[in-house]
Amino acid sequence: MLVEYLPPYRKMPDVYVAYMDSLRQVAISVPKIYKLLTSRTSGFDLIPFTKRDMYNEVRRQRGIRKGDVNAMIRYFEAGAKSDEKLFWRYHVSAYQHMYDLFWSYRRSQDDYKIFGNV
């Protein structure tokens, strides 16, 4: 009956993660967000995660933000601002791994128009 409270089974639903992120963007602390959620749901026992799970989610998001994949995405986003013909796409697996990265710059697209598939 209480299996969902065991650490391996606890997970913040995406709705709560998005809500927490929006409140953190306006500088509301995690304890205040947790208190707000408990007051909206009428009690601690109706929330399927703990305050520690919220802190773990914040730590996980910070780790993702600083990773190599995010550095690459920021690089392409900055490049797209200076080169409107920059094209790039990637896919994310079910395990949150990036694969099939493809990109082409203006120059490579112009070369392809001139020389074709050489």
Protein backbone atom coordinates (compact mmCIF):
# COMPACT_ATOMS: atom_id res chain seq x y z
CA MET A 1 0.00 0.00 0.00
CA LEU A 2 2.87 2.40 0.76
CA VAL A 3 5.25 1.11 -1.89
CA GLU A 4 5.21 4.43 -3.78
CA TYR A 5 6.97 6.05 -0.81
CA LEU A 6 10.02 3.76 -1.05
CA PRO A 7 12.92 5.71 -2.61
CA PRO A 8 13.28 3.58 -5.78
CA TYR A 9 9.58 4.02 -6.59
CA ARG A 10 9.26 7.74 -5.92
CA LYS A 11 9.17 9.99 -8.92
CA MET A 12 7.88 13.49 -9.41
CA PRO A 13 5.18 13.57 -12.09
CA ASP A 14 5.95 15.88 -15.02
CA VAL A 15 3.11 18.22 -14.08
CA TYR A 16 4.64 18.86 -10.67
CA VAL A 17 8.12 19.29 -12.18
CA ALA A 18 6.83 21.92 -14.61
CA TYR A 19 4.95 23.69 -11.81
CA MET A 20 8.03 23.66 -9.59
CA ASP A 21 10.19 25.00 -12.44
CA SER A 22 7.82 27.87 -13.12
CA LEU A 23 7.76 28.86 -9.44
CA ARG A 24 11.54 28.56 -9.12
CA GLN A 25 11.97 30.95 -12.05
CA VAL A 26 10.36 33.67 -9.93
CA ALA A 27 12.69 32.86 -6.99
CA ILE A 28 10.34 30.84 -4.78
CA SER A 29 12.25 28.32 -2.67
CA VAL A 30 11.68 24.56 -2.72
CA PRO A 31 10.29 24.39 0.85
CA LYS A 32 7.74 27.10 0.05
CA ILE A 33 6.74 25.32 -3.16
CA TYR A 34 6.29 22.06 -1.25
CA LYS A 35 4.19 23.81 1.38
CA LEU A 36 2.07 25.37 -1.36
CA LEU A 37 1.53 21.97 -3.01
CA THR A 38 0.53 20.36 0.27
CA SER A 39 -1.96 23.12 1.01
CA ARG A 40 -3.50 22.79 -2.46
CA THR A 41 -3.87 19.02 -2.17
CA SER A 42 -5.05 19.17 1.46
CA GLY A 43 -2.16 17.27 2.99
CA PHE A 44 1.28 15.72 2.75
CA ASP A 45 -0.13 12.22 2.31
CA LEU A 46 -1.75 13.10 -1.04
CA ILE A 47 1.51 14.16 -2.72
CA PRO A 48 3.38 11.18 -4.23
CA PHE A 49 6.85 12.62 -3.49
CA THR A 50 8.79 14.28 -0.71
CA LYS A 51 10.65 17.55 -0.38
CA ARG A 52 13.90 15.59 -0.80
CA ASP A 53 12.61 14.37 -4.20
CA MET A 54 12.11 18.00 -5.21
CA TYR A 55 15.71 18.83 -4.24
CA ASN A 56 16.90 15.77 -6.19
CA GLU A 57 14.99 16.96 -9.26
CA VAL A 58 16.59 20.41 -8.99
CA ARG A 59 20.04 18.79 -8.73
CA ARG A 60 19.30 16.55 -11.72
CA GLN A 61 18.21 19.53 -13.83
CA ARG A 62 21.37 21.45 -12.92
CA GLY A 63 23.49 18.49 -13.97
CA ILE A 64 21.69 18.24 -17.29
CA ARG A 65 22.06 21.97 -17.92
CA LYS A 66 25.84 21.74 -17.54
CA GLY A 67 26.32 18.63 -19.69
CA ASP A 68 27.97 18.22 -23.08
CA VAL A 69 24.68 17.77 -24.89
CA ASN A 70 23.32 21.04 -23.59
CA ALA A 71 26.55 22.81 -24.49
CA MET A 72 26.13 21.51 -28.04
CA ILE A 73 22.49 22.64 -28.17
CA ARG A 74 23.46 26.11 -26.94
CA TYR A 75 26.19 26.23 -29.60
CA PHE A 76 23.71 25.47 -32.39
CA GLU A 77 21.11 27.88 -31.00
CA ALA A 78 23.71 30.67 -30.98
CA GLY A 79 24.81 29.70 -34.49
CA ALA A 80 21.22 29.80 -35.73
CA LYS A 81 20.99 33.43 -34.64
CA SER A 82 23.98 34.40 -36.80
CA ASP A 83 23.25 32.05 -39.73
CA GLU A 84 19.56 31.79 -40.61
CA LYS A 85 20.24 28.86 -42.95
CA LEU A 86 21.79 26.71 -40.22
CA PHE A 87 19.80 23.48 -40.04
CA TRP A 88 20.13 21.00 -37.20
CA ARG A 89 18.07 18.16 -35.79
CA TYR A 90 18.54 15.45 -33.20
CA HIS A 91 16.50 12.71 -31.54
CA VAL A 92 16.23 11.67 -27.89
CA SER A 93 15.82 8.02 -26.91
CA ALA A 94 13.44 6.69 -24.27
CA TYR A 95 16.43 6.63 -21.89
CA GLN A 96 17.07 10.36 -22.42
CA HIS A 97 20.12 9.80 -24.64
CA MET A 98 20.66 11.96 -27.69
CA TYR A 99 21.27 10.26 -31.02
CA ASP A 100 21.11 10.99 -34.77
CA LEU A 101 22.55 14.49 -34.69
CA PHE A 102 22.52 16.16 -38.11
CA TRP A 103 23.52 19.71 -39.04
CA SER A 104 24.44 21.73 -42.11
CA TYR A 105 25.67 25.28 -42.46
CA ARG A 106 24.93 27.78 -45.20
CA ARG A 107 28.24 27.04 -46.94
CA SER A 108 27.68 23.29 -47.03
CA GLN A 109 24.17 23.83 -48.41
CA ASP A 110 25.52 26.18 -51.11
CA ASP A 111 28.25 23.64 -51.99
CA TYR A 112 25.62 20.93 -52.31
CA LYS A 113 23.62 23.10 -54.73
CA ILE A 114 26.75 23.61 -56.87
CA PHE A 115 28.38 20.16 -56.75
CA GLY A 116 25.51 17.86 -55.76
CA ASN A 117 26.05 14.64 -53.81
CA VAL A 118 29.76 14.03 -54.49
